[in-house]
Amino acid sequence: MLALRKTSPDFGISLMQVAPPAAPGPGDVIVSVEAAGICGSDLHIYDAKGNAYANVWPRLPLTLGHEFCGRVVSAGEGVAPGLLGQRVVALPVGIGIQRDGCFAPLVSVAAANCLPVPDALDGELGALIEPLTVSESAVALSETGPGRRLLIMGAGTLAQGAALFARLAGTGEIVITGFADSHRFKVLRSMGFDRLIDRSEPGSEEQLTELAGDGFDAVIEMTGATATIGEGLRVLRRGGILVATGIHPEAAQVDITWMVRQRLQLRGSYGNTREGWEKVIGMVAADPEVFRPLITHRFSLEDGVEAFQTAYARIASKAVLRPAPADSCFPGDAPHE
């Protein structure tokens, strides 16, 4: 079967033929992938800069990808019988980092990490669930809501999702910054967000200072750029909260004295709870068209290298891959049950 794989700790990714997964071991299932999204962490591994994902290199070659939706087609010993045939998403525990991921027609995952999704929820929105759980968790940690002022630093999928969840929480004012993010800003405007600041443009610092006024109640950092941590702390009101979500290739410099004197809180947000996943699945299933604009580009798996190039150039907000049907991976045979 075709798979998108990282073969060396250098820039790039390769499309190649690999053997389908072996019959699942105890507690594992094989999922036929309907759709898979390219994540920012996939792009960090793709460009191989910094050391944030150096733990991947000893495991190469490796099929990447952890954002997906699909149907369970094979189950190992000890798996609940009702899971076979179920459409699922999966907690990204090691997928595409420690074991082969979902940029292929079939992926092997732990059954305990699978969560069912309604048949009415189409695959590409199912593939959005994982990044949306990250966005929802960050918004919850920011304690935003009615009458609160929120700054979101970053304009990609996670930031767009955070903006949607913040609006659903009733946040009084939402300001979003990006850097040379015209394509992503276009998506945000289409969803009704107009307080956007491009930090690559002259005068943007003054614009941010003006909009900050006496300070934001909360800042959510989703850039992975170390300089934004200090910048975010500086535009908080006294007692404000900064939620750091981005994965940073280098250590950030933080003015602890400023934090102490301003009584600021710095919180880290990573992933979400199982209950958080169930909440997000329910929200997306209840109103799917609210979230669909986040998906801007769709590719077949055969065009996966182009998909990575498009996402890396920040032309795509969220690029979704669609593998060939899993049946094509088993010439003359079917997945084991």
Protein backbone atom coordinates (compact mmCIF):
# COMPACT_ATOMS: atom_id res chain seq x y z
CA MET A 1 0.00 0.00 0.00
CA LEU A 2 1.05 3.62 -0.47
CA ALA A 3 2.25 5.57 2.56
CA LEU A 4 3.79 8.97 3.31
CA ARG A 5 6.95 8.27 5.27
CA LYS A 6 9.81 10.07 6.91
CA THR A 7 12.95 8.17 5.98
CA SER A 8 15.78 10.34 7.33
CA PRO A 9 16.25 13.31 9.71
CA ASP A 10 16.50 15.71 6.79
CA PHE A 11 14.01 18.02 5.10
CA GLY A 12 11.19 16.33 3.23
CA ILE A 13 8.89 13.33 3.11
CA SER A 14 8.60 10.33 0.76
CA LEU A 15 5.66 8.55 -0.88
CA MET A 16 6.39 4.85 -1.14
CA GLN A 17 4.96 1.36 -1.18
CA VAL A 18 4.94 -0.47 2.16
CA ALA A 19 3.43 -3.71 3.41
CA PRO A 20 -0.03 -3.44 4.99
CA PRO A 21 -0.13 -3.76 8.78
CA ALA A 22 0.14 -7.25 10.17
CA ALA A 23 -2.87 -8.82 11.87
CA PRO A 24 -3.53 -6.77 15.01
CA GLY A 25 -2.06 -7.96 18.27
CA PRO A 26 -3.93 -8.14 21.58
CA GLY A 27 -5.74 -4.90 22.31
CA ASP A 28 -5.08 -3.40 18.87
CA VAL A 29 -7.30 -2.69 15.89
CA ILE A 30 -6.67 -1.86 12.25
CA VAL A 31 -8.57 1.15 10.93
CA SER A 32 -9.35 1.86 7.28
CA VAL A 33 -8.53 5.56 6.98
CA GLU A 34 -11.23 7.73 5.38
CA ALA A 35 -9.41 11.05 5.80
CA ALA A 36 -6.28 12.32 7.55
CA GLY A 37 -5.16 15.87 8.32
CA ILE A 38 -1.65 17.32 8.14
CA CYS A 39 -0.76 18.75 11.55
CA GLY A 40 1.78 21.38 12.56
CA SER A 41 3.79 18.65 14.30
CA ASP A 42 3.92 16.73 11.00
CA LEU A 43 5.38 19.86 9.42
CA HIS A 44 7.99 20.15 12.19
CA ILE A 45 9.06 16.57 11.45
CA TYR A 46 8.92 17.33 7.71
CA ASP A 47 11.33 20.28 7.93
CA ALA A 48 13.50 18.59 10.63
CA LYS A 49 14.45 21.89 12.28
CA GLY A 50 15.29 22.15 15.96
CA ASN A 51 15.10 19.32 18.47
CA ALA A 52 11.39 19.25 19.40
CA TYR A 53 10.90 15.96 17.53
CA ALA A 54 14.39 14.49 17.71
CA ASN A 55 12.86 11.46 19.45
CA VAL A 56 11.40 10.47 16.07
CA TRP A 57 14.74 10.02 14.30
CA PRO A 58 15.74 6.70 15.95
CA ARG A 59 12.41 5.21 14.79
CA LEU A 60 12.82 6.03 11.09
CA PRO A 61 11.60 5.07 8.56
CA LEU A 62 8.12 5.90 9.87
CA THR A 63 4.72 6.61 8.37
CA LEU A 64 3.58 10.02 9.69
CA GLY A 65 0.13 11.29 10.63
CA HIS A 66 -2.12 11.18 13.70
CA GLU A 67 -5.25 13.19 12.79
CA PHE A 68 -7.70 10.79 11.16
CA CYS A 69 -11.13 9.26 10.98
CA GLY A 70 -11.89 5.78 9.70
CA ARG A 71 -13.61 2.45 10.23
CA VAL A 72 -12.32 -0.49 12.27
CA VAL A 73 -11.80 -3.40 9.86
CA SER A 74 -9.85 -5.82 12.04
CA ALA A 75 -9.56 -6.41 15.78
CA GLY A 76 -7.07 -8.27 17.93
CA GLU A 77 -7.63 -10.46 20.94
CA GLY A 78 -9.35 -8.77 23.86
CA VAL A 79 -11.01 -6.01 21.81
CA ALA A 80 -14.72 -5.49 22.48
CA PRO A 81 -16.66 -7.12 19.61
CA GLY A 82 -18.79 -4.01 19.11
CA LEU A 83 -15.79 -2.00 17.96
CA LEU A 84 -15.39 -4.01 14.73
CA GLY A 85 -17.09 -2.07 11.93
CA GLN A 86 -17.35 1.09 14.05
CA ARG A 87 -16.27 4.48 12.67
CA VAL A 88 -13.71 6.01 15.02
CA VAL A 89 -11.18 8.71 15.74
CA ALA A 90 -8.22 7.98 18.02
CA LEU A 91 -6.26 9.65 20.78
CA PRO A 92 -2.87 10.31 19.16
CA VAL A 93 -0.85 8.23 21.63
CA GLY A 94 2.37 7.52 19.76
CA ILE A 95 0.68 7.42 16.35
CA GLY A 96 3.01 8.81 13.68
CA ILE A 97 5.69 9.40 16.33
CA GLN A 98 6.46 6.04 17.94
CA ARG A 99 4.53 3.76 15.57
CA ASP A 100 3.40 4.07 11.96
CA GLY A 101 0.72 6.71 11.50
CA CYS A 102 -2.33 7.37 9.39
CA PHE A 103 -0.92 8.73 6.12
CA ALA A 104 -1.77 5.37 4.56
CA PRO A 105 -4.97 3.45 3.75
CA LEU A 106 -4.63 1.39 6.96
CA VAL A 107 -3.32 2.22 10.42
CA SER A 108 -2.88 0.06 13.51
CA VAL A 109 -3.88 1.70 16.80
CA ALA A 110 -4.70 0.66 20.36
CA ALA A 111 -8.40 -0.06 20.72
CA ALA A 112 -8.41 1.69 24.11
CA ASN A 113 -7.55 4.96 22.35
CA CYS A 114 -10.45 4.79 19.87
CA LEU A 115 -13.60 6.88 20.26
CA PRO A 116 -16.72 6.27 18.16
CA VAL A 117 -18.07 8.97 15.87
CA PRO A 118 -21.56 9.14 14.37
CA ASP A 119 -22.00 7.75 10.86
CA ALA A 120 -23.54 11.11 9.91
CA LEU A 121 -20.22 12.88 10.55
CA ASP A 122 -18.21 12.80 7.33
CA GLY A 123 -14.61 11.65 7.35
CA GLU A 124 -12.91 14.98 6.72
CA LEU A 125 -14.64 16.58 9.70
CA GLY A 126 -13.78 13.49 11.71
CA ALA A 127 -10.14 14.14 10.84
CA LEU A 128 -10.54 17.63 12.35
CA ILE A 129 -11.53 16.28 15.77
CA GLU A 130 -7.97 15.84 17.07
CA PRO A 131 -6.78 19.43 16.40
CA LEU A 132 -10.11 20.80 17.60
CA THR A 133 -9.64 19.02 20.93
CA VAL A 134 -6.34 20.90 21.31
CA SER A 135 -8.12 24.19 20.57
CA GLU A 136 -10.97 23.45 22.98
CA SER A 137 -8.59 22.59 25.82
CA ALA A 138 -6.59 25.80 25.37
CA VAL A 139 -9.75 27.90 25.38
CA ALA A 140 -10.98 26.18 28.55
CA LEU A 141 -7.66 26.85 30.29
CA SER A 142 -7.80 30.52 29.29
CA GLU A 143 -11.01 30.96 31.30
CA THR A 144 -12.40 33.20 28.60
CA GLY A 145 -16.10 34.02 28.39
CA PRO A 146 -18.62 36.87 28.38
CA GLY A 147 -17.02 40.25 29.00
CA ARG A 148 -13.49 38.87 28.59
CA ARG A 149 -10.89 40.06 26.08
CA LEU A 150 -8.81 37.38 24.36
CA LEU A 151 -5.72 37.52 22.16
CA ILE A 152 -4.92 34.45 20.04
CA MET A 153 -1.35 34.42 18.74
CA GLY A 154 -1.22 32.37 15.56
CA ALA A 155 -3.63 31.98 12.65
CA GLY A 156 -3.43 28.29 11.70
CA THR A 157 -5.94 25.52 12.29
CA LEU A 158 -5.47 25.41 16.08
CA ALA A 159 -5.91 29.18 16.32
CA GLN A 160 -8.94 29.13 14.04
CA GLY A 161 -10.49 26.40 16.16
CA ALA A 162 -9.70 28.34 19.33
CA ALA A 163 -11.39 31.41 17.88
CA LEU A 164 -14.52 29.37 17.17
CA PHE A 165 -14.62 27.84 20.66
CA ALA A 166 -13.96 31.23 22.26
CA ARG A 167 -16.86 32.71 20.32
CA LEU A 168 -19.07 29.80 21.36
CA ALA A 169 -18.05 30.56 24.96
CA GLY A 170 -19.36 34.10 24.53
CA THR A 171 -15.99 35.88 24.65
CA GLY A 172 -16.50 39.63 24.43
CA GLU A 173 -13.56 40.47 22.15
CA ILE A 174 -11.24 38.24 20.11
CA VAL A 175 -8.05 39.58 18.50
CA ILE A 176 -5.88 37.28 16.37
CA THR A 177 -2.28 37.81 15.23
CA GLY A 178 -0.40 36.05 12.46
CA PHE A 179 2.79 36.49 10.45
CA ALA A 180 2.45 36.80 6.65
CA ASP A 181 -0.76 34.81 7.00
CA SER A 182 -2.95 36.27 4.24
CA HIS A 183 -4.39 32.86 3.29
CA ARG A 184 -5.28 32.01 6.88
CA PHE A 185 -6.67 35.48 7.53
CA LYS A 186 -8.98 34.97 4.56
CA VAL A 187 -10.39 31.88 6.29
CA LEU A 188 -10.80 33.76 9.58
CA ARG A 189 -12.61 36.63 7.86
CA SER A 190 -14.96 34.15 6.19
CA MET A 191 -15.87 32.93 9.68
CA GLY A 192 -16.57 36.45 10.91
CA PHE A 193 -13.31 37.34 12.69
CA ASP A 194 -12.07 40.78 11.67
CA ARG A 195 -9.71 41.94 14.43
CA LEU A 196 -6.63 40.52 12.71
CA ILE A 197 -3.06 41.79 12.96
CA ASP A 198 -0.33 40.68 10.54
CA ARG A 199 2.89 41.00 12.55
CA SER A 200 4.95 41.03 9.35
CA GLU A 201 3.52 44.41 8.36
CA PRO A 202 4.92 47.82 9.41
CA GLY A 203 3.00 49.36 12.28
CA SER A 204 1.66 46.04 13.52
CA GLU A 205 3.28 46.42 16.94
CA GLU A 206 1.57 49.76 17.46
CA GLN A 207 -1.70 48.23 16.26
CA LEU A 208 -1.40 45.42 18.79
CA THR A 209 -0.58 47.87 21.59
CA GLU A 210 -3.62 49.97 20.71
CA LEU A 211 -5.96 46.98 20.63
CA ALA A 212 -4.48 45.64 23.87
CA GLY A 213 -5.37 48.85 25.69
CA ASP A 214 -5.14 48.12 29.44
CA GLY A 215 -4.38 44.48 28.62
CA PHE A 216 -6.10 41.30 27.52
CA ASP A 217 -7.68 39.04 30.10
CA ALA A 218 -6.09 36.05 28.41
CA VAL A 219 -3.64 35.19 25.63
CA ILE A 220 -3.49 31.84 23.84
CA GLU A 221 -0.14 31.25 22.13
CA MET A 222 -0.31 28.88 19.15
CA THR A 223 2.69 29.90 17.08
CA GLY A 224 5.62 27.79 18.20
CA ALA A 225 7.72 30.99 17.86
CA THR A 226 9.60 31.58 21.10
CA ALA A 227 9.43 35.39 20.91
CA THR A 228 5.64 35.31 21.17
CA ILE A 229 5.72 34.09 24.78
CA GLY A 230 7.32 37.30 26.05
CA GLU A 231 5.19 39.41 23.76
CA GLY A 232 2.04 37.72 24.98
CA LEU A 233 2.91 38.24 28.64
CA ARG A 234 3.50 41.94 27.99
CA VAL A 235 0.00 42.57 26.62
CA LEU A 236 -1.83 40.85 29.49
CA ARG A 237 -3.64 42.83 32.13
CA ARG A 238 -2.54 42.42 35.73
CA GLY A 239 -3.52 38.90 36.84
CA GLY A 240 -4.04 37.73 33.25
CA ILE A 241 -3.53 34.22 31.90
CA LEU A 242 -1.26 33.10 29.06
CA VAL A 243 -1.92 29.61 27.71
CA ALA A 244 1.06 28.23 25.75
CA THR A 245 0.08 25.61 23.18
CA GLY A 246 2.72 25.82 20.45
CA ILE A 247 5.58 23.33 20.28
CA HIS A 248 8.82 25.32 20.34
CA PRO A 249 12.07 24.17 18.72
CA GLU A 250 14.04 26.35 21.16
CA ALA A 251 13.69 27.39 24.79
CA ALA A 252 11.81 30.65 25.38
CA GLN A 253 13.16 33.51 27.49
CA VAL A 254 10.61 34.59 30.12
CA ASP A 255 10.85 37.67 32.34
CA ILE A 256 9.87 36.03 35.63
CA THR A 257 10.16 39.32 37.56
CA TRP A 258 7.55 40.88 35.27
CA MET A 259 5.29 37.86 35.74
CA VAL A 260 5.62 38.04 39.52
CA ARG A 261 4.96 41.76 39.79
CA GLN A 262 2.00 41.57 37.39
CA ARG A 263 0.66 38.39 39.05
CA LEU A 264 0.46 36.70 35.67
CA GLN A 265 -0.24 33.02 35.10
CA LEU A 266 1.56 30.94 32.48
CA ARG A 267 -0.24 27.68 31.69
CA GLY A 268 0.75 24.88 29.35
CA SER A 269 -1.90 23.14 27.27
CA TYR A 270 -1.22 19.83 25.53
CA GLY A 271 -3.90 17.59 24.06
CA ASN A 272 -7.18 17.04 25.89
CA THR A 273 -8.95 14.57 28.14
CA ARG A 274 -11.11 11.72 26.85
CA GLU A 275 -14.12 13.68 28.11
CA GLY A 276 -12.88 16.68 26.14
CA TRP A 277 -12.71 14.56 23.01
CA GLU A 278 -16.27 13.35 23.53
CA LYS A 279 -17.41 16.94 24.03
CA VAL A 280 -15.76 18.09 20.79
CA ILE A 281 -17.15 15.13 18.82
CA GLY A 282 -20.62 16.10 20.02
CA MET A 283 -20.16 19.78 19.15
CA VAL A 284 -18.87 19.09 15.63
CA ALA A 285 -21.58 16.50 14.96
CA ALA A 286 -24.27 18.93 16.17
CA ASP A 287 -23.17 21.82 13.92
CA PRO A 288 -20.64 20.56 11.33
CA GLU A 289 -20.80 23.53 8.97
CA VAL A 290 -19.45 25.86 11.68
CA PHE A 291 -16.16 23.95 11.54
CA ARG A 292 -15.94 22.98 7.85
CA PRO A 293 -14.28 26.27 6.69
CA LEU A 294 -11.12 25.22 8.53
CA ILE A 295 -10.51 22.62 5.79
CA THR A 296 -9.17 24.55 2.82
CA HIS A 297 -7.37 21.91 0.73
CA ARG A 298 -8.08 18.29 -0.12
CA PHE A 299 -5.61 15.85 -1.71
CA SER A 300 -5.44 12.20 -2.60
CA LEU A 301 -2.70 10.31 -0.79
CA GLU A 302 -0.90 10.00 -4.15
CA ASP A 303 -0.54 13.81 -4.07
CA GLY A 304 0.65 13.79 -0.46
CA VAL A 305 4.06 15.36 -1.17
CA GLU A 306 2.29 18.29 -2.85
CA ALA A 307 -0.07 18.48 0.14
CA PHE A 308 2.89 18.86 2.49
CA GLN A 309 4.42 21.53 0.28
CA THR A 310 1.13 23.46 0.28
CA ALA A 311 0.72 23.19 4.06
CA TYR A 312 4.37 24.09 4.70
CA ALA A 313 4.01 27.21 2.55
CA ARG A 314 1.04 28.19 4.77
CA ILE A 315 -1.22 28.35 1.72
CA ALA A 316 -3.45 25.74 3.33
CA SER A 317 -5.08 26.21 6.71
CA LYS A 318 -5.87 22.52 6.98
CA ALA A 319 -4.93 20.10 4.22
CA VAL A 320 -6.76 16.77 4.31
CA LEU A 321 -5.52 13.58 2.62
CA ARG A 322 -7.83 10.85 1.34
CA PRO A 323 -6.17 7.44 0.92
CA ALA A 324 -7.36 4.85 -1.59
CA PRO A 325 -9.94 2.35 -0.29
CA ALA A 326 -8.38 -0.13 2.10
CA ASP A 327 -9.59 -3.09 -0.02
CA SER A 328 -6.92 -2.21 -2.59
CA CYS A 329 -4.23 -3.01 0.00
CA PHE A 330 -5.22 -6.65 0.15
CA PRO A 331 -5.05 -8.03 -3.40
CA GLY A 332 -6.98 -11.27 -3.40
CA ASP A 333 -7.52 -11.12 0.33
CA ALA A 334 -9.49 -9.13 2.90
CA PRO A 335 -8.48 -7.68 6.27
CA HIS A 336 -8.41 -10.33 8.98
CA GLU A 337 -11.15 -10.39 11.58
